[in-house]
Amino acid sequence: MIGCLCLHGFTGGPYEIEPVTDYLSKHTDWLLSIPTYPGHGTKLSLKGITHIEWLEEAEKAYLELREKTDKIYIVGFSMGGMIAGYLASKYGCDKLILLNASAYYLNPGQMIKDIANMMITGLSGGLKDHELYHRYRKKLLDTPFSATKEFRKLVKTLKPSLSKVKAPTLIVQGECDGLVPRKSAEFLYAAIAATNKRICYFKESKHMICHDVEKEQLIEEVYQFLQNE
């Protein structure tokens, strides 16, 4: 039996990776585990929650999955990618996929473009339907500063563990990501110890890569990587 642990990002929930998990659920007989970190999900409640609690939840899901399966794949999005790398280094896994993993956070150049686009949309009266606007607004309004500090602690703590990752690794990066810059993927590639590793860039995709314009190509890339020996 194959198990696949799928990890969402900071201030997000399983919905962030749902197109990928839905596809895997329909096209494989794998056992999927898609935990939600404390304080996360469709309704955020992050005040007072520490990054240790997020790690513990992901680790618990991994260990429970390992008891039921012979092979484990880990797919991590954004902050979930950093947690995925940590679990792969500590316990091992058979394959690892990192989607816009946040070794570095905030791409100023792309964010300026996104904000300019929001302003143009706002002038034409379409801001209420602008997906990026609502995402950034939600992060600003619903994310206490203490949670952002915990996120940064987590990234800083987990970065060194990447040098112990030996599993075949696929690093995916959206080139229009306004939150995670291209250099994050380049850092991950250099840091990960695995000999079987590669970066796949998606030229038109922003941060929410599983829901973006190239999602079909992304799903196929993920599926083929996990299926191939």
Protein backbone atom coordinates (compact mmCIF):
# COMPACT_ATOMS: atom_id res chain seq x y z
CA MET A 1 0.00 0.00 0.00
CA ILE A 2 1.23 3.48 -0.90
CA GLY A 3 0.52 6.43 1.37
CA CYS A 4 0.65 10.06 0.28
CA LEU A 5 0.91 12.85 2.85
CA CYS A 6 -0.24 16.20 1.44
CA LEU A 7 0.59 19.37 3.36
CA HIS A 8 -0.95 22.83 2.89
CA GLY A 9 0.59 26.25 3.46
CA PHE A 10 0.68 29.03 6.05
CA THR A 11 -2.76 30.59 6.71
CA GLY A 12 -4.28 28.04 4.32
CA GLY A 13 -5.91 24.64 4.47
CA PRO A 14 -6.38 21.43 2.48
CA TYR A 15 -8.33 23.40 -0.15
CA GLU A 16 -5.02 24.87 -1.37
CA ILE A 17 -3.93 21.50 -2.77
CA GLU A 18 -7.38 20.06 -3.42
CA PRO A 19 -7.08 19.78 -7.24
CA VAL A 20 -4.02 17.56 -6.77
CA THR A 21 -5.47 15.48 -3.93
CA ASP A 22 -8.78 15.03 -5.75
CA TYR A 23 -6.95 13.77 -8.83
CA LEU A 24 -4.82 11.33 -6.83
CA SER A 25 -7.91 10.10 -5.00
CA LYS A 26 -9.70 9.38 -8.30
CA HIS A 27 -6.77 7.87 -10.21
CA THR A 28 -4.95 5.80 -7.57
CA ASP A 29 -5.74 3.45 -4.72
CA TRP A 30 -3.30 5.22 -2.44
CA LEU A 31 -4.12 6.15 1.14
CA LEU A 32 -4.13 9.95 1.31
CA SER A 33 -3.55 11.96 4.48
CA ILE A 34 -4.34 15.69 4.33
CA PRO A 35 -4.02 17.19 7.82
CA THR A 36 -4.98 20.73 8.85
CA TYR A 37 -2.55 22.51 11.17
CA PRO A 38 -3.88 24.06 14.40
CA GLY A 39 -5.44 27.46 13.78
CA HIS A 40 -5.67 26.89 10.03
CA GLY A 41 -8.46 25.90 7.65
CA THR A 42 -11.33 27.84 6.13
CA LYS A 43 -11.67 29.91 9.31
CA LEU A 44 -8.34 31.10 10.73
CA SER A 45 -7.70 31.24 14.46
CA LEU A 46 -3.93 31.66 14.70
CA LYS A 47 -3.52 33.75 17.82
CA GLY A 48 -1.48 31.92 20.45
CA ILE A 49 -0.60 29.00 18.14
CA THR A 50 3.09 28.13 17.74
CA HIS A 51 4.99 26.65 14.81
CA ILE A 52 5.81 23.66 17.03
CA GLU A 53 2.10 22.77 17.02
CA TRP A 54 2.01 22.91 13.20
CA LEU A 55 5.01 20.60 13.02
CA GLU A 56 3.55 18.20 15.57
CA GLU A 57 0.30 17.89 13.61
CA ALA A 58 2.15 17.10 10.37
CA GLU A 59 4.48 14.69 12.15
CA LYS A 60 1.55 12.89 13.75
CA ALA A 61 -0.11 12.48 10.33
CA TYR A 62 3.13 11.12 8.87
CA LEU A 63 3.63 8.55 11.64
CA GLU A 64 0.02 7.39 11.43
CA LEU A 65 0.33 6.96 7.68
CA ARG A 66 3.62 5.07 7.99
CA GLU A 67 1.97 2.48 10.23
CA LYS A 68 -0.58 1.69 7.50
CA THR A 69 1.56 1.75 4.35
CA ASP A 70 4.68 0.26 2.73
CA LYS A 71 5.70 3.38 0.80
CA ILE A 72 5.23 7.06 1.61
CA TYR A 73 5.17 10.01 -0.77
CA ILE A 74 5.07 13.56 0.61
CA VAL A 75 3.65 16.55 -1.27
CA GLY A 76 4.04 19.94 0.38
CA PHE A 77 2.78 23.36 -0.74
CA SER A 78 4.38 26.64 0.42
CA MET A 79 5.07 26.32 4.16
CA GLY A 80 3.92 22.72 3.79
CA GLY A 81 6.87 22.20 1.47
CA MET A 82 9.29 23.17 4.22
CA ILE A 83 7.54 20.81 6.64
CA ALA A 84 7.60 18.08 3.98
CA GLY A 85 11.35 18.50 3.58
CA TYR A 86 11.80 18.28 7.34
CA LEU A 87 9.78 15.06 7.58
CA ALA A 88 11.67 13.58 4.62
CA SER A 89 14.98 14.37 6.34
CA LYS A 90 13.94 13.03 9.76
CA TYR A 91 12.02 9.90 8.79
CA GLY A 92 12.65 9.40 5.09
CA CYS A 93 10.15 8.96 2.29
CA ASP A 94 10.06 7.33 -1.13
CA LYS A 95 9.35 10.52 -3.11
CA LEU A 96 9.09 14.20 -2.25
CA ILE A 97 7.30 17.01 -4.10
CA LEU A 98 7.70 20.66 -3.11
CA LEU A 99 5.19 23.11 -4.60
CA ASN A 100 6.19 26.79 -4.30
CA ALA A 101 7.94 25.83 -1.07
CA SER A 102 8.69 28.88 1.07
CA ALA A 103 12.41 28.69 1.81
CA TYR A 104 12.24 32.39 0.96
CA TYR A 105 9.09 34.48 1.27
CA LEU A 106 7.80 37.50 -0.65
CA ASN A 107 8.80 38.28 -4.23
CA PRO A 108 8.74 42.11 -4.24
CA GLY A 109 8.90 42.51 -8.02
CA GLN A 110 5.95 40.23 -8.69
CA MET A 111 3.99 41.62 -5.75
CA ILE A 112 4.33 45.17 -7.17
CA LYS A 113 2.94 43.89 -10.48
CA ASP A 114 0.07 42.17 -8.66
CA ILE A 115 -0.79 45.28 -6.63
CA ALA A 116 -0.66 47.44 -9.77
CA ASN A 117 -3.03 45.00 -11.44
CA MET A 118 -5.36 45.19 -8.44
CA MET A 119 -5.35 48.98 -8.63
CA ILE A 120 -6.25 48.91 -12.32
CA THR A 121 -9.02 46.41 -11.60
CA GLY A 122 -10.25 48.60 -8.74
CA LEU A 123 -10.50 51.65 -10.98
CA SER A 124 -12.72 49.69 -13.33
CA GLY A 125 -14.96 48.58 -10.45
CA GLY A 126 -13.96 44.90 -10.51
CA LEU A 127 -12.00 44.64 -7.27
CA LYS A 128 -14.71 42.66 -5.49
CA ASP A 129 -14.14 39.84 -8.00
CA HIS A 130 -10.33 40.01 -7.88
CA GLU A 131 -8.97 36.77 -6.43
CA LEU A 132 -5.51 38.13 -5.52
CA TYR A 133 -7.02 41.12 -3.73
CA HIS A 134 -9.15 38.89 -1.52
CA ARG A 135 -6.19 36.59 -0.80
CA TYR A 136 -3.86 39.41 0.29
CA ARG A 137 -6.67 41.14 2.22
CA LYS A 138 -7.48 37.92 4.07
CA LYS A 139 -3.84 37.38 5.01
CA LEU A 140 -3.53 40.94 6.30
CA LEU A 141 -6.78 40.96 8.27
CA ASP A 142 -6.82 37.41 9.64
CA THR A 143 -3.13 36.83 10.36
CA PRO A 144 -1.80 38.20 13.66
CA PHE A 145 1.82 39.36 13.67
CA SER A 146 2.62 36.64 16.21
CA ALA A 147 1.64 33.98 13.64
CA THR A 148 3.89 35.54 11.00
CA LYS A 149 6.75 35.44 13.50
CA GLU A 150 6.03 31.75 14.11
CA PHE A 151 6.06 31.10 10.37
CA ARG A 152 9.48 32.74 10.04
CA LYS A 153 10.78 30.75 13.00
CA LEU A 154 9.62 27.56 11.35
CA VAL A 155 11.35 28.33 8.06
CA LYS A 156 14.60 29.30 9.80
CA THR A 157 14.51 26.16 11.97
CA LEU A 158 13.78 23.75 9.12
CA LYS A 159 16.15 25.02 6.42
CA PRO A 160 19.21 23.09 7.72
CA SER A 161 17.32 19.77 7.62
CA LEU A 162 17.16 19.88 3.81
CA SER A 163 20.77 18.73 3.59
CA LYS A 164 19.63 15.33 4.89
CA VAL A 165 16.92 14.74 2.25
CA LYS A 166 17.85 11.70 0.15
CA ALA A 167 14.50 10.90 -1.52
CA PRO A 168 13.89 11.62 -5.23
CA THR A 169 12.61 15.19 -5.23
CA LEU A 170 10.53 17.29 -7.62
CA ILE A 171 10.67 21.04 -6.96
CA VAL A 172 7.87 23.03 -8.62
CA GLN A 173 7.92 26.82 -8.85
CA GLY A 174 5.44 29.26 -10.35
CA GLU A 175 7.42 32.03 -12.00
CA CYS A 176 4.70 34.63 -11.30
CA ASP A 177 4.51 33.78 -7.60
CA GLY A 178 4.28 37.05 -5.65
CA LEU A 179 4.88 35.39 -2.28
CA VAL A 180 7.64 32.84 -2.90
CA PRO A 181 10.42 34.02 -5.25
CA ARG A 182 12.27 31.93 -7.83
CA LYS A 183 15.39 31.92 -5.66
CA SER A 184 13.51 29.72 -3.17
CA ALA A 185 13.40 26.86 -5.70
CA GLU A 186 17.06 27.40 -6.54
CA PHE A 187 17.97 27.29 -2.85
CA LEU A 188 16.00 24.08 -2.34
CA TYR A 189 17.70 22.42 -5.30
CA ALA A 190 21.15 23.33 -3.98
CA ALA A 191 20.39 22.40 -0.37
CA ILE A 192 18.69 19.03 -0.87
CA ALA A 193 21.17 16.16 -0.74
CA ALA A 194 19.28 13.84 -3.11
CA THR A 195 21.03 12.99 -6.37
CA ASN A 196 17.68 12.44 -8.11
CA LYS A 197 16.18 15.94 -8.07
CA ARG A 198 14.92 18.51 -10.55
CA ILE A 199 13.12 21.84 -10.79
CA CYS A 200 10.02 22.32 -12.92
CA TYR A 201 9.04 25.94 -13.61
CA PHE A 202 5.53 27.05 -14.56
CA LYS A 203 5.81 30.33 -16.42
CA GLU A 204 2.26 31.67 -15.88
CA SER A 205 1.47 30.39 -12.39
CA LYS A 206 1.23 32.49 -9.22
CA HIS A 207 1.39 31.28 -5.63
CA MET A 208 -1.84 29.26 -5.59
CA ILE A 209 -0.35 27.03 -8.23
CA CYS A 210 -2.76 24.11 -7.76
CA HIS A 211 -5.65 26.40 -8.75
CA ASP A 212 -3.93 28.51 -11.40
CA VAL A 213 -4.00 28.58 -15.21
CA GLU A 214 -1.49 25.73 -15.55
CA LYS A 215 -3.08 23.43 -12.99
CA GLU A 216 -3.74 20.63 -15.49
CA GLN A 217 -0.07 20.56 -16.48
CA LEU A 218 0.90 20.69 -12.81
CA ILE A 219 -1.33 17.76 -11.89
CA GLU A 220 0.09 15.71 -14.76
CA GLU A 221 3.66 16.55 -13.69
CA VAL A 222 2.94 15.51 -10.11
CA TYR A 223 1.15 12.33 -11.14
CA GLN A 224 3.85 11.21 -13.57
CA PHE A 225 6.63 11.87 -11.06
CA LEU A 226 4.89 9.80 -8.40
CA GLN A 227 3.93 6.99 -10.78
CA ASN A 228 7.28 6.53 -12.53
CA GLU A 229 9.85 4.22 -11.01
